[in-house]
Amino acid sequence: MKSNEARNLSPDELASEVENRRRELFELRLQSTVGQVPNTKLVRRKKREIARLLTIAGQKASAGEKART
């Protein structure tokens, strides 16, 4: 998911996407310990996607707080 697509999501949708990505990362870590990961770059990619989504969620939260004050 690209950052501009993530910016169009609601906070609830962002939270569910983060949860899905964390679940996928967990599965990839399990596969990597067994040695079944077809592409080791997927772990790094999932981590970056999670960080990107959390950053956007934080930006939206801080923008919402500024709008209230």
N, C-alpha and C. Protein backbone atom coordinates (compact mmCIF):
# COMPACT_ATOMS: atom_id res chain seq x y z
N MET A 1 0.85 -1.17 0.00
CA MET A 1 0.00 0.00 0.00
C MET A 1 0.89 1.23 0.00
N LYS A 2 0.58 2.13 -0.89
CA LYS A 2 1.34 3.36 -0.98
C LYS A 2 0.84 4.36 0.04
N SER A 3 1.67 5.34 0.34
CA SER A 3 1.33 6.29 1.39
C SER A 3 0.12 7.13 1.03
N ASN A 4 -0.04 7.47 -0.25
CA ASN A 4 -1.21 8.28 -0.61
C ASN A 4 -2.50 7.47 -0.49
N GLU A 5 -2.44 6.16 -0.69
CA GLU A 5 -3.61 5.31 -0.48
C GLU A 5 -3.93 5.22 1.01
N ALA A 6 -2.90 5.14 1.84
CA ALA A 6 -3.10 5.03 3.28
C ALA A 6 -3.65 6.32 3.86
N ARG A 7 -3.30 7.45 3.29
CA ARG A 7 -3.80 8.73 3.80
C ARG A 7 -5.31 8.87 3.59
N ASN A 8 -5.86 8.15 2.63
CA ASN A 8 -7.29 8.22 2.38
C ASN A 8 -8.11 7.32 3.30
N LEU A 9 -7.45 6.51 4.11
CA LEU A 9 -8.15 5.60 5.00
C LEU A 9 -8.55 6.30 6.29
N SER A 10 -9.62 5.81 6.90
CA SER A 10 -10.05 6.34 8.19
C SER A 10 -9.13 5.77 9.28
N PRO A 11 -9.14 6.36 10.48
CA PRO A 11 -8.30 5.84 11.57
C PRO A 11 -8.60 4.38 11.91
N ASP A 12 -9.85 3.98 11.85
CA ASP A 12 -10.20 2.58 12.13
C ASP A 12 -9.64 1.65 11.06
N GLU A 13 -9.72 2.09 9.81
CA GLU A 13 -9.18 1.28 8.72
C GLU A 13 -7.66 1.19 8.82
N LEU A 14 -7.03 2.28 9.23
CA LEU A 14 -5.57 2.26 9.41
C LEU A 14 -5.18 1.26 10.50
N ALA A 15 -5.93 1.26 11.59
CA ALA A 15 -5.63 0.33 12.69
C ALA A 15 -5.80 -1.11 12.24
N SER A 16 -6.82 -1.39 11.45
CA SER A 16 -7.01 -2.76 10.97
C SER A 16 -5.92 -3.16 9.99
N GLU A 17 -5.48 -2.21 9.16
CA GLU A 17 -4.38 -2.50 8.22
C GLU A 17 -3.08 -2.80 8.98
N VAL A 18 -2.82 -2.03 10.04
CA VAL A 18 -1.62 -2.27 10.85
C VAL A 18 -1.70 -3.67 11.46
N GLU A 19 -2.86 -4.02 11.98
CA GLU A 19 -3.03 -5.34 12.58
C GLU A 19 -2.82 -6.45 11.55
N ASN A 20 -3.35 -6.26 10.35
CA ASN A 20 -3.15 -7.26 9.28
C ASN A 20 -1.68 -7.40 8.92
N ARG A 21 -0.99 -6.25 8.80
CA ARG A 21 0.43 -6.29 8.44
C ARG A 21 1.24 -6.96 9.55
N ARG A 22 0.90 -6.71 10.81
CA ARG A 22 1.62 -7.35 11.92
C ARG A 22 1.41 -8.85 11.91
N ARG A 23 0.19 -9.27 11.59
CA ARG A 23 -0.09 -10.70 11.50
C ARG A 23 0.73 -11.34 10.37
N GLU A 24 0.79 -10.64 9.22
CA GLU A 24 1.58 -11.14 8.09
C GLU A 24 3.06 -11.21 8.45
N LEU A 25 3.56 -10.19 9.17
CA LEU A 25 4.96 -10.18 9.60
C LEU A 25 5.24 -11.35 10.54
N PHE A 26 4.32 -11.62 11.44
CA PHE A 26 4.47 -12.74 12.35
C PHE A 26 4.58 -14.05 11.57
N GLU A 27 3.71 -14.22 10.59
CA GLU A 27 3.76 -15.44 9.76
C GLU A 27 5.08 -15.54 9.01
N LEU A 28 5.56 -14.42 8.50
CA LEU A 28 6.85 -14.43 7.79
C LEU A 28 8.00 -14.79 8.73
N ARG A 29 7.94 -14.29 9.95
CA ARG A 29 8.99 -14.63 10.91
C ARG A 29 8.97 -16.11 11.23
N LEU A 30 7.78 -16.66 11.38
CA LEU A 30 7.69 -18.11 11.62
C LEU A 30 8.27 -18.89 10.45
N GLN A 31 7.92 -18.46 9.24
CA GLN A 31 8.43 -19.15 8.06
C GLN A 31 9.95 -19.01 7.94
N SER A 32 10.48 -17.86 8.35
CA SER A 32 11.92 -17.66 8.22
C SER A 32 12.70 -18.53 9.21
N THR A 33 12.11 -18.80 10.39
CA THR A 33 12.81 -19.68 11.33
C THR A 33 12.85 -21.10 10.82
N VAL A 34 11.84 -21.49 10.07
CA VAL A 34 11.80 -22.83 9.49
C VAL A 34 12.60 -22.88 8.19
N GLY A 35 12.78 -21.70 7.59
CA GLY A 35 13.54 -21.63 6.34
C GLY A 35 12.66 -21.75 5.12
N GLN A 36 11.40 -21.36 5.23
CA GLN A 36 10.48 -21.50 4.11
C GLN A 36 10.11 -20.18 3.45
N VAL A 37 10.77 -19.09 3.80
CA VAL A 37 10.44 -17.80 3.19
C VAL A 37 11.01 -17.77 1.78
N PRO A 38 10.16 -17.60 0.79
CA PRO A 38 10.66 -17.59 -0.59
C PRO A 38 11.48 -16.33 -0.90
N ASN A 39 11.14 -15.22 -0.24
CA ASN A 39 11.83 -13.96 -0.50
C ASN A 39 12.08 -13.28 0.84
N THR A 40 13.33 -13.18 1.23
CA THR A 40 13.66 -12.63 2.55
C THR A 40 13.42 -11.12 2.62
N LYS A 41 13.27 -10.46 1.49
CA LYS A 41 13.00 -9.03 1.50
C LYS A 41 11.59 -8.72 1.97
N LEU A 42 10.72 -9.71 1.99
CA LEU A 42 9.34 -9.49 2.42
C LEU A 42 9.26 -9.04 3.87
N VAL A 43 10.15 -9.54 4.72
CA VAL A 43 10.15 -9.17 6.13
C VAL A 43 10.43 -7.68 6.26
N ARG A 44 11.45 -7.20 5.58
CA ARG A 44 11.81 -5.79 5.62
C ARG A 44 10.67 -4.94 5.04
N ARG A 45 10.06 -5.41 3.97
CA ARG A 45 8.98 -4.67 3.34
C ARG A 45 7.77 -4.53 4.27
N LYS A 46 7.44 -5.61 4.98
CA LYS A 46 6.31 -5.57 5.92
C LYS A 46 6.59 -4.62 7.07
N LYS A 47 7.82 -4.63 7.57
CA LYS A 47 8.18 -3.72 8.65
C LYS A 47 8.04 -2.27 8.21
N ARG A 48 8.46 -1.98 7.01
CA ARG A 48 8.36 -0.61 6.50
C ARG A 48 6.92 -0.20 6.27
N GLU A 49 6.09 -1.15 5.81
CA GLU A 49 4.68 -0.84 5.63
C GLU A 49 4.02 -0.52 6.97
N ILE A 50 4.36 -1.29 7.99
CA ILE A 50 3.81 -1.04 9.32
C ILE A 50 4.24 0.34 9.81
N ALA A 51 5.51 0.66 9.65
CA ALA A 51 6.02 1.97 10.09
C ALA A 51 5.33 3.10 9.32
N ARG A 52 5.13 2.90 8.04
CA ARG A 52 4.47 3.92 7.22
C ARG A 52 3.03 4.15 7.70
N LEU A 53 2.32 3.06 7.96
CA LEU A 53 0.93 3.18 8.41
C LEU A 53 0.85 3.83 9.79
N LEU A 54 1.76 3.47 10.69
CA LEU A 54 1.76 4.06 12.02
C LEU A 54 2.11 5.55 11.97
N THR A 55 3.00 5.93 11.08
CA THR A 55 3.36 7.33 10.93
C THR A 55 2.17 8.13 10.45
N ILE A 56 1.47 7.62 9.46
CA ILE A 56 0.29 8.31 8.93
C ILE A 56 -0.80 8.40 9.99
N ALA A 57 -0.97 7.33 10.77
CA ALA A 57 -1.97 7.34 11.84
C ALA A 57 -1.61 8.40 12.88
N GLY A 58 -0.35 8.51 13.22
CA GLY A 58 0.10 9.53 14.18
C GLY A 58 -0.10 10.93 13.65
N GLN A 59 0.16 11.13 12.37
CA GLN A 59 -0.03 12.44 11.77
C GLN A 59 -1.51 12.83 11.79
N LYS A 60 -2.36 11.86 11.50
CA LYS A 60 -3.80 12.15 11.52
C LYS A 60 -4.27 12.45 12.94
N ALA A 61 -3.73 11.74 13.91
CA ALA A 61 -4.12 11.97 15.31
C ALA A 61 -3.68 13.35 15.77
N SER A 62 -2.46 13.74 15.42
CA SER A 62 -1.99 15.07 15.84
C SER A 62 -2.73 16.18 15.09
N ALA A 63 -3.10 15.93 13.85
CA ALA A 63 -3.86 16.93 13.11
C ALA A 63 -5.26 17.07 13.71
N GLY A 64 -5.83 15.98 14.19
CA GLY A 64 -7.13 16.03 14.82
C GLY A 64 -7.09 16.78 16.14
N GLU A 65 -6.01 16.63 16.89
CA GLU A 65 -5.86 17.36 18.16
C GLU A 65 -5.70 18.86 17.90
N LYS A 66 -4.97 19.20 16.87
CA LYS A 66 -4.76 20.62 16.57
C LYS A 66 -6.07 21.26 16.11
N ALA A 67 -6.89 20.50 15.41
CA ALA A 67 -8.17 21.04 14.93
C ALA A 67 -9.13 21.27 16.10
N ARG A 68 -9.01 20.49 17.17
CA ARG A 68 -9.90 20.64 18.31
C ARG A 68 -9.56 21.85 19.16
N THR A 69 -8.30 22.25 19.16
CA THR A 69 -7.89 23.36 20.03
C THR A 69 -8.01 24.68 19.34
